[in-house]
Amino acid sequence: MKLILAFHIIAMVCWFAGLFYLPRLFVYHANTHDAISLERFSLMEHKLYYYITTPAAVLTTAFGLILLFHKHHYYANFNWMHIKLLLVGCLWLYHISCGRFVWLFKHQQQQHSERFFRYYNEIPTILLISIVILAVVKPYLGPNIFSFLN
């Protein structure tokens, strides 16, 4: 299981690297007007999203689910894990929204400003900090909110 955990962490680092860089490309893309640069940014965004970020997201989730199911009775008793899983769900929504922006930029239908993407770029940072703190600290957050299912 330690090897699975190592692969989970490696895939997570790759996923977040993509989620940090992709919105930065959106900032530059939103501020570009010449055809050559627009095409270059679209190609970079497409490759980053489909060849690096999405496979890393799938692997992170797959390895995480293996770890979760291996000790599901242990994790089921802790609210921090439920909150972490909720935040990972939010991360997937963010990931999907990045894919939507890749598509909108590619088809020249994107309407948001450079400033919007500067703020949008901060979302994965907040999620990363929250997820890592929950996974490392494992804080006691009161009685199990799902204890009625046992």
Protein backbone atom coordinates (compact mmCIF):
# COMPACT_ATOMS: atom_id res chain seq x y z
CA MET A 1 0.00 0.00 0.00
CA LYS A 2 2.95 2.35 0.51
CA LEU A 3 3.74 2.10 -3.19
CA ILE A 4 0.12 2.99 -4.02
CA LEU A 5 0.37 5.95 -1.63
CA ALA A 6 3.59 7.07 -3.34
CA PHE A 7 1.92 6.90 -6.77
CA HIS A 8 -1.10 8.75 -5.37
CA ILE A 9 1.14 11.59 -4.17
CA ILE A 10 3.14 11.71 -7.42
CA ALA A 11 -0.04 11.84 -9.51
CA MET A 12 -1.47 14.53 -7.20
CA VAL A 13 1.65 16.68 -7.67
CA CYS A 14 1.30 16.35 -11.45
CA TRP A 15 -2.42 17.16 -11.29
CA PHE A 16 -1.85 20.29 -9.25
CA ALA A 17 1.06 21.36 -11.46
CA GLY A 18 -1.36 21.34 -14.37
CA LEU A 19 -4.08 23.11 -12.40
CA PHE A 20 -1.62 25.82 -11.36
CA TYR A 21 -0.18 26.37 -14.84
CA LEU A 22 -3.31 26.08 -16.98
CA PRO A 23 -5.10 29.14 -15.52
CA ARG A 24 -1.82 31.07 -15.85
CA LEU A 25 -1.94 30.24 -19.56
CA PHE A 26 -5.54 31.51 -19.56
CA VAL A 27 -4.30 34.83 -18.14
CA TYR A 28 -1.80 35.20 -20.97
CA HIS A 29 -4.26 33.93 -23.57
CA ALA A 30 -6.96 36.40 -22.48
CA ASN A 31 -4.42 39.21 -22.92
CA THR A 32 -3.30 38.13 -26.42
CA HIS A 33 -4.70 39.34 -29.72
CA ASP A 34 -2.42 38.20 -32.57
CA ALA A 35 -3.39 35.04 -34.42
CA ILE A 36 -0.09 33.20 -33.99
CA SER A 37 -0.08 33.65 -30.20
CA LEU A 38 -3.76 32.74 -29.92
CA GLU A 39 -3.11 29.48 -31.77
CA ARG A 40 0.02 28.76 -29.71
CA PHE A 41 -1.82 29.27 -26.41
CA SER A 42 -4.73 27.09 -27.54
CA LEU A 43 -2.33 24.29 -28.46
CA MET A 44 -0.43 24.59 -25.16
CA GLU A 45 -3.67 24.58 -23.15
CA HIS A 46 -5.02 21.59 -25.06
CA LYS A 47 -1.87 19.51 -24.58
CA LEU A 48 -1.52 20.44 -20.91
CA TYR A 49 -5.15 19.65 -20.14
CA TYR A 50 -5.57 16.44 -22.14
CA TYR A 51 -2.09 14.89 -21.99
CA ILE A 52 -0.89 15.82 -18.50
CA THR A 53 -3.54 17.25 -16.19
CA THR A 54 -6.45 14.92 -16.95
CA PRO A 55 -4.43 11.67 -16.83
CA ALA A 56 -2.88 12.85 -13.55
CA ALA A 57 -6.36 13.60 -12.17
CA VAL A 58 -7.61 10.15 -13.14
CA LEU A 59 -4.56 8.44 -11.62
CA THR A 60 -4.78 10.51 -8.43
CA THR A 61 -8.42 9.55 -8.04
CA ALA A 62 -7.82 5.88 -8.87
CA PHE A 63 -4.93 5.51 -6.42
CA GLY A 64 -6.88 7.46 -3.80
CA LEU A 65 -9.88 5.16 -4.18
CA ILE A 66 -7.66 2.09 -3.85
CA LEU A 67 -6.26 3.52 -0.60
CA LEU A 68 -9.73 4.48 0.61
CA PHE A 69 -11.28 1.08 -0.07
CA HIS A 70 -8.32 -0.70 1.49
CA LYS A 71 -9.11 0.97 4.85
CA HIS A 72 -12.71 2.05 4.31
CA HIS A 73 -13.81 0.95 7.79
CA TYR A 74 -11.09 3.11 9.34
CA TYR A 75 -11.78 6.21 7.23
CA ALA A 76 -15.56 5.93 7.52
CA ASN A 77 -15.30 6.99 11.16
CA PHE A 78 -13.64 10.35 10.53
CA ASN A 79 -15.31 13.53 9.36
CA TRP A 80 -12.02 14.93 8.04
CA MET A 81 -12.04 12.25 5.34
CA HIS A 82 -15.60 13.14 4.32
CA ILE A 83 -14.60 16.80 4.05
CA LYS A 84 -11.45 15.87 2.12
CA LEU A 85 -13.54 13.86 -0.35
CA LEU A 86 -15.92 16.80 -0.73
CA LEU A 87 -12.95 19.07 -1.49
CA VAL A 88 -11.62 16.56 -4.03
CA GLY A 89 -15.06 16.70 -5.65
CA CYS A 90 -14.71 20.49 -5.79
CA LEU A 91 -11.28 20.03 -7.33
CA TRP A 92 -12.81 17.83 -10.04
CA LEU A 93 -15.41 20.54 -10.73
CA TYR A 94 -12.59 23.06 -11.06
CA HIS A 95 -10.73 20.66 -13.37
CA ILE A 96 -13.81 20.27 -15.57
CA SER A 97 -14.29 24.05 -15.66
CA CYS A 98 -10.68 24.36 -16.86
CA GLY A 99 -11.56 21.97 -19.68
CA ARG A 100 -14.50 24.18 -20.56
CA PHE A 101 -12.21 27.22 -20.76
CA VAL A 102 -9.77 25.27 -22.96
CA TRP A 103 -12.68 24.58 -25.33
CA LEU A 104 -13.94 28.19 -25.22
CA PHE A 105 -10.48 29.60 -25.95
CA LYS A 106 -9.97 27.12 -28.80
CA HIS A 107 -13.25 28.20 -30.40
CA GLN A 108 -12.65 31.90 -29.62
CA GLN A 109 -15.79 32.12 -27.48
CA GLN A 110 -14.15 32.92 -24.15
CA GLN A 111 -15.45 36.18 -22.62
CA HIS A 112 -13.62 36.50 -19.29
CA SER A 113 -10.92 39.05 -18.58
CA GLU A 114 -7.30 38.55 -17.61
CA ARG A 115 -8.25 39.72 -14.12
CA PHE A 116 -10.92 37.01 -13.80
CA PHE A 117 -8.32 34.33 -14.54
CA ARG A 118 -5.90 35.81 -12.02
CA TYR A 119 -8.51 35.22 -9.30
CA TYR A 120 -9.62 31.91 -10.82
CA ASN A 121 -5.99 30.77 -10.58
CA GLU A 122 -6.13 30.95 -6.76
CA ILE A 123 -8.85 28.31 -6.33
CA PRO A 124 -6.57 25.25 -6.59
CA THR A 125 -4.18 26.82 -4.07
CA ILE A 126 -6.96 27.09 -1.49
CA LEU A 127 -8.09 23.53 -2.23
CA LEU A 128 -4.53 22.17 -2.02
CA ILE A 129 -3.87 23.79 1.35
CA SER A 130 -7.18 22.52 2.73
CA ILE A 131 -6.77 18.97 1.42
CA VAL A 132 -3.17 18.60 2.61
CA ILE A 133 -3.98 19.96 6.08
CA LEU A 134 -6.88 17.51 6.40
CA ALA A 135 -4.79 14.57 5.17
CA VAL A 136 -1.76 15.31 7.36
CA VAL A 137 -3.30 16.74 10.54
CA LYS A 138 -6.44 14.56 10.49
CA PRO A 139 -8.25 16.94 12.84
CA TYR A 140 -11.03 15.77 15.10
CA LEU A 141 -14.15 17.47 13.76
CA GLY A 142 -16.76 16.15 16.14
CA PRO A 143 -18.78 12.95 16.05
CA ASN A 144 -19.04 11.07 12.78
CA ILE A 145 -21.77 12.77 10.75
CA PHE A 146 -22.53 9.46 9.02
CA SER A 147 -22.70 7.30 12.16
CA PHE A 148 -26.42 6.72 11.59
CA LEU A 149 -25.47 4.54 8.59
CA ASN A 150 -23.62 1.99 10.75
